[in-house]
Amino acid sequence: MDHTDKPQQDEVTRHTPANTPTVSRKTFYIAILIALLLIVGLWIWKSIETSNLRKNAETKQNSLRQEAKGLIVQAHEQHLKLLAKPFVWAVRTEMMQGNMSQVNLYMNEMVKEKNFQRIALINDKGIIVSSTNKKDEGKPFSTIGNNSDLAINSTNVQTQQDSLISMTSPVMGFNNRLGTLFIRYNIPKAEFQQ
């Protein structure tokens, strides 16, 4: 009888302690794996969230830059319109007195200012009679501008690609149009800090 009891006891003692560490090791490894998966999942989620925040910030920054560029262009357009009025009056006075050399002097001094590219005076027939680029003189206005601008009886400003402004303004006599003043102005490039 002693022989039969003993093997059962050995069998019980052999299986119970051996199974307990294996089960707890498996549980431990599963817990570590779950923890690692949670950490990796959290890291991926935060990376995606950070990437989306960066994209949104870049989009907002680009829209603010575009808005600022638009405001800069508008400011330059308004300044040119303000400048045109007294400049046209001065040109008108000299044209009525037949003093074209003084008109040339005014235009040459003005074009020396920063960002002015070209200033021209067009007569009532559409011919350039005075220009800061002497090659233009005697040629039709269509070589440097749009002929339809010559028919407009107010100061007209057109912007091309947010970098160049073309302005035409009529030079009126007492009861007729003496000519048209044409100014081409280069808008300085706006630089924004990052």
C-alpha atoms as a PDB file:
ATOM      1  CA  MET A   1       0.000   0.000   0.000  1.00  0.00           C
ATOM      2  CA  ASP A   2       2.776   2.298   0.664  1.00  0.00           C
ATOM      3  CA  HIS A   3       3.925   1.986  -2.886  1.00  0.00           C
ATOM      4  CA  THR A   4       0.681   3.134  -4.461  1.00  0.00           C
ATOM      5  CA  ASP A   5       0.253   6.188  -2.269  1.00  0.00           C
ATOM      6  CA  LYS A   6       3.701   7.456  -2.831  1.00  0.00           C
ATOM      7  CA  PRO A   7       3.574   7.813  -6.596  1.00  0.00           C
ATOM      8  CA  GLN A   8       0.320   9.742  -6.415  1.00  0.00           C
ATOM      9  CA  GLN A   9       1.833  12.155  -3.953  1.00  0.00           C
ATOM     10  CA  ASP A  10       4.883  12.662  -6.124  1.00  0.00           C
ATOM     11  CA  GLU A  11       2.665  13.217  -9.089  1.00  0.00           C
ATOM     12  CA  VAL A  12       0.592  15.840  -7.252  1.00  0.00           C
ATOM     13  CA  THR A  13       3.639  17.638  -5.922  1.00  0.00           C
ATOM     14  CA  ARG A  14       5.326  17.513  -9.296  1.00  0.00           C
ATOM     15  CA  HIS A  15       2.476  19.052 -11.314  1.00  0.00           C
ATOM     16  CA  THR A  16       1.149  21.725  -8.973  1.00  0.00           C
ATOM     17  CA  PRO A  17       4.359  23.673  -8.237  1.00  0.00           C
ATOM     18  CA  ALA A  18       5.581  23.330 -11.825  1.00  0.00           C
ATOM     19  CA  ASN A  19       2.327  24.693 -13.316  1.00  0.00           C
ATOM     20  CA  THR A  20       2.121  27.720 -11.030  1.00  0.00           C
ATOM     21  CA  PRO A  21       5.364  29.422 -12.208  1.00  0.00           C
ATOM     22  CA  THR A  22       4.515  28.679 -15.859  1.00  0.00           C
ATOM     23  CA  VAL A  23       1.064  30.237 -15.534  1.00  0.00           C
ATOM     24  CA  SER A  24       2.419  33.293 -13.731  1.00  0.00           C
ATOM     25  CA  ARG A  25       5.213  33.679 -16.332  1.00  0.00           C
ATOM     26  CA  LYS A  26       2.680  33.496 -19.162  1.00  0.00           C
ATOM     27  CA  THR A  27       0.491  36.043 -17.389  1.00  0.00           C
ATOM     28  CA  PHE A  28       3.509  38.280 -16.831  1.00  0.00           C
ATOM     29  CA  TYR A  29       4.541  38.082 -20.521  1.00  0.00           C
ATOM     30  CA  ILE A  30       0.978  38.741 -21.647  1.00  0.00           C
ATOM     31  CA  ALA A  31       0.770  41.761 -19.335  1.00  0.00           C
ATOM     32  CA  ILE A  32       4.088  43.081 -20.727  1.00  0.00           C
ATOM     33  CA  LEU A  33       2.889  42.510 -24.303  1.00  0.00           C
ATOM     34  CA  ILE A  34      -0.396  44.321 -23.592  1.00  0.00           C
ATOM     35  CA  ALA A  35       1.499  47.185 -21.942  1.00  0.00           C
ATOM     36  CA  LEU A  36       3.856  47.450 -24.943  1.00  0.00           C
ATOM     37  CA  LEU A  37       0.924  47.409 -27.357  1.00  0.00           C
ATOM     38  CA  LEU A  38      -0.782  50.151 -25.357  1.00  0.00           C
ATOM     39  CA  ILE A  39       2.389  52.257 -25.337  1.00  0.00           C
ATOM     40  CA  VAL A  40       2.900  51.780 -29.097  1.00  0.00           C
ATOM     41  CA  GLY A  41      -0.771  52.561 -29.759  1.00  0.00           C
ATOM     42  CA  LEU A  42      -0.588  55.684 -27.607  1.00  0.00           C
ATOM     43  CA  TRP A  43       2.606  56.787 -29.369  1.00  0.00           C
ATOM     44  CA  ILE A  44       1.019  56.300 -32.821  1.00  0.00           C
ATOM     45  CA  TRP A  45      -2.118  58.186 -31.759  1.00  0.00           C
ATOM     46  CA  LYS A  46      -0.068  61.107 -30.377  1.00  0.00           C
ATOM     47  CA  SER A  47       2.101  61.163 -33.529  1.00  0.00           C
ATOM     48  CA  ILE A  48      -0.982  61.409 -35.733  1.00  0.00           C
ATOM     49  CA  GLU A  49      -2.477  64.077 -33.489  1.00  0.00           C
ATOM     50  CA  THR A  50       0.784  66.089 -33.548  1.00  0.00           C
ATOM     51  CA  SER A  51       0.999  65.766 -37.326  1.00  0.00           C
ATOM     52  CA  ASN A  52      -2.580  67.032 -37.703  1.00  0.00           C
ATOM     53  CA  LEU A  53      -1.844  69.987 -35.402  1.00  0.00           C
ATOM     54  CA  ARG A  54       1.229  70.879 -37.475  1.00  0.00           C
ATOM     55  CA  LYS A  55      -0.758  70.703 -40.705  1.00  0.00           C
ATOM     56  CA  ASN A  56      -3.477  72.929 -39.247  1.00  0.00           C
ATOM     57  CA  ALA A  57      -0.893  75.406 -37.982  1.00  0.00           C
ATOM     58  CA  GLU A  58       0.825  75.512 -41.392  1.00  0.00           C
ATOM     59  CA  THR A  59      -2.512  76.031 -43.141  1.00  0.00           C
ATOM     60  CA  LYS A  60      -3.404  78.899 -40.806  1.00  0.00           C
ATOM     61  CA  GLN A  61       0.055  80.410 -41.195  1.00  0.00           C
ATOM     62  CA  ASN A  62      -0.180  80.249 -44.999  1.00  0.00           C
ATOM     63  CA  SER A  63      -3.624  81.841 -44.999  1.00  0.00           C
ATOM     64  CA  LEU A  64      -2.353  84.630 -42.720  1.00  0.00           C
ATOM     65  CA  ARG A  65       0.596  85.195 -45.060  1.00  0.00           C
ATOM     66  CA  GLN A  66      -1.709  85.413 -48.074  1.00  0.00           C
ATOM     67  CA  GLU A  67      -3.974  87.822 -46.240  1.00  0.00           C
ATOM     68  CA  ALA A  68      -0.981  89.957 -45.227  1.00  0.00           C
ATOM     69  CA  LYS A  69       0.331  89.975 -48.815  1.00  0.00           C
ATOM     70  CA  GLY A  70      -3.094  91.096 -50.027  1.00  0.00           C
ATOM     71  CA  LEU A  71      -3.151  93.919 -47.492  1.00  0.00           C
ATOM     72  CA  ILE A  72       0.354  94.989 -48.525  1.00  0.00           C
ATOM     73  CA  VAL A  73      -0.702  95.106 -52.184  1.00  0.00           C
ATOM     74  CA  GLN A  74      -3.802  97.138 -51.291  1.00  0.00           C
ATOM     75  CA  ALA A  75      -1.695  99.584 -49.281  1.00  0.00           C
ATOM     76  CA  HIS A  76       0.674 100.113 -52.229  1.00  0.00           C
ATOM     77  CA  GLU A  77      -2.268 100.588 -54.600  1.00  0.00           C
ATOM     78  CA  GLN A  78      -3.780 103.228 -52.309  1.00  0.00           C
ATOM     79  CA  HIS A  79      -0.447 105.020 -51.934  1.00  0.00           C
ATOM     80  CA  LEU A  80       0.007 105.141 -55.701  1.00  0.00           C
ATOM     81  CA  LYS A  81      -3.483 106.570 -56.136  1.00  0.00           C
ATOM     82  CA  LEU A  82      -2.701 109.234 -53.548  1.00  0.00           C
ATOM     83  CA  LEU A  83       0.588 110.012 -55.262  1.00  0.00           C
ATOM     84  CA  ALA A  84      -1.043 110.210 -58.692  1.00  0.00           C
ATOM     85  CA  LYS A  85      -3.267 113.165 -57.876  1.00  0.00           C
ATOM     86  CA  PRO A  86      -0.593 115.798 -57.099  1.00  0.00           C
ATOM     87  CA  PHE A  87       1.753 114.336 -59.702  1.00  0.00           C
ATOM     88  CA  VAL A  88      -0.931 114.637 -62.398  1.00  0.00           C
ATOM     89  CA  TRP A  89      -1.634 118.226 -61.299  1.00  0.00           C
ATOM     90  CA  ALA A  90       2.050 119.094 -61.641  1.00  0.00           C
ATOM     91  CA  VAL A  91       2.249 117.425 -65.066  1.00  0.00           C
ATOM     92  CA  ARG A  92      -0.970 119.132 -66.167  1.00  0.00           C
ATOM     93  CA  THR A  93       0.360 122.554 -65.232  1.00  0.00           C
ATOM     94  CA  GLU A  94       3.598 122.019 -67.155  1.00  0.00           C
ATOM     95  CA  MET A  95       1.823 120.510 -70.183  1.00  0.00           C
ATOM     96  CA  MET A  96      -0.574 123.476 -70.411  1.00  0.00           C
ATOM     97  CA  GLN A  97       2.422 125.820 -70.385  1.00  0.00           C
ATOM     98  CA  GLY A  98       4.164 123.725 -73.054  1.00  0.00           C
ATOM     99  CA  ASN A  99       7.044 122.923 -70.726  1.00  0.00           C
ATOM    100  CA  MET A 100       7.724 119.237 -71.544  1.00  0.00           C
ATOM    101  CA  SER A 101      11.322 119.428 -70.264  1.00  0.00           C
ATOM    102  CA  GLN A 102       9.944 120.066 -66.778  1.00  0.00           C
ATOM    103  CA  VAL A 103       7.576 117.073 -67.180  1.00  0.00           C
ATOM    104  CA  ASN A 104      10.587 114.928 -68.131  1.00  0.00           C
ATOM    105  CA  LEU A 105      12.444 116.190 -65.070  1.00  0.00           C
ATOM    106  CA  TYR A 106       9.526 115.309 -62.759  1.00  0.00           C
ATOM    107  CA  MET A 107       9.261 111.827 -64.226  1.00  0.00           C
ATOM    108  CA  ASN A 108      13.007 111.158 -64.126  1.00  0.00           C
ATOM    109  CA  GLU A 109      13.206 112.241 -60.488  1.00  0.00           C
ATOM    110  CA  MET A 110      10.202 110.094 -59.564  1.00  0.00           C
ATOM    111  CA  VAL A 111      11.547 106.937 -61.235  1.00  0.00           C
ATOM    112  CA  LYS A 112      14.734 107.240 -59.150  1.00  0.00           C
ATOM    113  CA  GLU A 113      12.643 106.439 -56.086  1.00  0.00           C
ATOM    114  CA  LYS A 114      12.695 102.846 -54.939  1.00  0.00           C
ATOM    115  CA  ASN A 115      10.452 100.327 -56.768  1.00  0.00           C
ATOM    116  CA  PHE A 116       9.342 102.627 -59.617  1.00  0.00           C
ATOM    117  CA  GLN A 117      10.064 100.859 -62.915  1.00  0.00           C
ATOM    118  CA  ARG A 118       8.652 103.117 -65.581  1.00  0.00           C
ATOM    119  CA  ILE A 119       6.742 106.381 -65.889  1.00  0.00           C
ATOM    120  CA  ALA A 120       5.331 107.538 -69.193  1.00  0.00           C
ATOM    121  CA  LEU A 121       3.076 110.288 -70.500  1.00  0.00           C
ATOM    122  CA  ILE A 122       0.741 109.400 -73.351  1.00  0.00           C
ATOM    123  CA  ASN A 123      -0.911 112.068 -75.488  1.00  0.00           C
ATOM    124  CA  ASP A 124      -4.599 112.117 -76.423  1.00  0.00           C
ATOM    125  CA  LYS A 125      -3.829 110.116 -79.599  1.00  0.00           C
ATOM    126  CA  GLY A 126      -2.327 107.166 -77.659  1.00  0.00           C
ATOM    127  CA  ILE A 127       1.336 107.954 -78.451  1.00  0.00           C
ATOM    128  CA  ILE A 128       3.999 108.013 -75.744  1.00  0.00           C
ATOM    129  CA  VAL A 129       5.357 111.577 -75.734  1.00  0.00           C
ATOM    130  CA  SER A 130       7.590 111.274 -72.689  1.00  0.00           C
ATOM    131  CA  SER A 131       8.984 108.279 -70.833  1.00  0.00           C
ATOM    132  CA  THR A 132      11.672 107.409 -68.346  1.00  0.00           C
ATOM    133  CA  ASN A 133      12.666 104.731 -70.885  1.00  0.00           C
ATOM    134  CA  LYS A 134      13.537 106.863 -73.920  1.00  0.00           C
ATOM    135  CA  LYS A 135      13.069 103.879 -76.273  1.00  0.00           C
ATOM    136  CA  ASP A 136       9.315 104.107 -75.597  1.00  0.00           C
ATOM    137  CA  GLU A 137       8.923 107.672 -76.882  1.00  0.00           C
ATOM    138  CA  GLY A 138       7.061 107.969 -80.184  1.00  0.00           C
ATOM    139  CA  LYS A 139       5.612 104.466 -79.904  1.00  0.00           C
ATOM    140  CA  PRO A 140       1.946 103.630 -79.293  1.00  0.00           C
ATOM    141  CA  PHE A 141       0.907 103.018 -75.680  1.00  0.00           C
ATOM    142  CA  SER A 142      -0.048  99.423 -76.556  1.00  0.00           C
ATOM    143  CA  THR A 143       3.683  98.550 -76.514  1.00  0.00           C
ATOM    144  CA  ILE A 144       3.810  99.029 -72.726  1.00  0.00           C
ATOM    145  CA  GLY A 145       0.170  98.966 -71.577  1.00  0.00           C
ATOM    146  CA  ASN A 146      -3.447  98.259 -72.421  1.00  0.00           C
ATOM    147  CA  ASN A 147      -5.102 100.756 -74.800  1.00  0.00           C
ATOM    148  CA  SER A 148      -8.449 100.395 -73.015  1.00  0.00           C
ATOM    149  CA  ASP A 149      -6.871 102.155 -69.983  1.00  0.00           C
ATOM    150  CA  LEU A 150      -6.590 105.336 -72.055  1.00  0.00           C
ATOM    151  CA  ALA A 151     -10.365 105.684 -72.241  1.00  0.00           C
ATOM    152  CA  ILE A 152     -10.917 105.536 -68.471  1.00  0.00           C
ATOM    153  CA  ASN A 153     -11.538 108.976 -66.935  1.00  0.00           C
ATOM    154  CA  SER A 154     -10.334 108.088 -63.437  1.00  0.00           C
ATOM    155  CA  THR A 155      -7.207 106.665 -61.898  1.00  0.00           C
ATOM    156  CA  ASN A 156      -7.038 102.967 -62.716  1.00  0.00           C
ATOM    157  CA  VAL A 157      -4.827 100.525 -60.832  1.00  0.00           C
ATOM    158  CA  GLN A 158      -4.149  96.950 -61.933  1.00  0.00           C
ATOM    159  CA  THR A 159      -2.047  94.438 -60.041  1.00  0.00           C
ATOM    160  CA  GLN A 160      -0.313  91.547 -61.748  1.00  0.00           C
ATOM    161  CA  GLN A 161       0.681  88.498 -59.675  1.00  0.00           C
ATOM    162  CA  ASP A 162       0.937  90.487 -56.416  1.00  0.00           C
ATOM    163  CA  SER A 163       4.255  91.903 -57.579  1.00  0.00           C
ATOM    164  CA  LEU A 164       3.626  94.610 -60.150  1.00  0.00           C
ATOM    165  CA  ILE A 165       1.198  97.530 -60.200  1.00  0.00           C
ATOM    166  CA  SER A 166       0.298  99.390 -63.386  1.00  0.00           C
ATOM    167  CA  MET A 167      -1.508 102.667 -62.896  1.00  0.00           C
ATOM    168  CA  THR A 168      -3.029 105.032 -65.421  1.00  0.00           C
ATOM    169  CA  SER A 169      -4.442 108.419 -64.567  1.00  0.00           C
ATOM    170  CA  PRO A 170      -5.949 110.963 -66.950  1.00  0.00           C
ATOM    171  CA  VAL A 171      -4.337 114.386 -67.310  1.00  0.00           C
ATOM    172  CA  MET A 172      -7.280 116.694 -67.913  1.00  0.00           C
ATOM    173  CA  GLY A 173      -7.185 120.229 -69.305  1.00  0.00           C
ATOM    174  CA  PHE A 174      -9.953 122.762 -68.798  1.00  0.00           C
ATOM    175  CA  ASN A 175     -12.379 121.008 -71.109  1.00  0.00           C
ATOM    176  CA  ASN A 176     -10.429 118.203 -72.791  1.00  0.00           C
ATOM    177  CA  ARG A 177      -8.065 115.362 -72.031  1.00  0.00           C
ATOM    178  CA  LEU A 178      -4.429 116.339 -72.490  1.00  0.00           C
ATOM    179  CA  GLY A 179      -3.078 112.844 -72.007  1.00  0.00           C
ATOM    180  CA  THR A 180      -2.618 109.952 -69.612  1.00  0.00           C
ATOM    181  CA  LEU A 181       0.022 109.333 -66.994  1.00  0.00           C
ATOM    182  CA  PHE A 182       1.284 105.741 -66.778  1.00  0.00           C
ATOM    183  CA  ILE A 183       3.251 104.399 -63.813  1.00  0.00           C
ATOM    184  CA  ARG A 184       4.591 100.870 -63.372  1.00  0.00           C
ATOM    185  CA  TYR A 185       5.570 100.062 -59.805  1.00  0.00           C
ATOM    186  CA  ASN A 186       7.256  96.947 -58.438  1.00  0.00           C
ATOM    187  CA  ILE A 187       5.795  95.835 -55.103  1.00  0.00           C
ATOM    188  CA  PRO A 188       8.581  94.916 -52.674  1.00  0.00           C
ATOM    189  CA  LYS A 189       8.587  91.252 -51.733  1.00  0.00           C
ATOM    190  CA  ALA A 190       7.064  90.636 -48.329  1.00  0.00           C
ATOM    191  CA  GLU A 191       9.294  88.556 -46.081  1.00  0.00           C
ATOM    192  CA  PHE A 192       7.832  86.860 -43.061  1.00  0.00           C
ATOM    193  CA  GLN A 193       9.804  85.451 -40.187  1.00  0.00           C
ATOM    194  CA  GLN A 194       9.255  81.854 -39.249  1.00  0.00           C
END
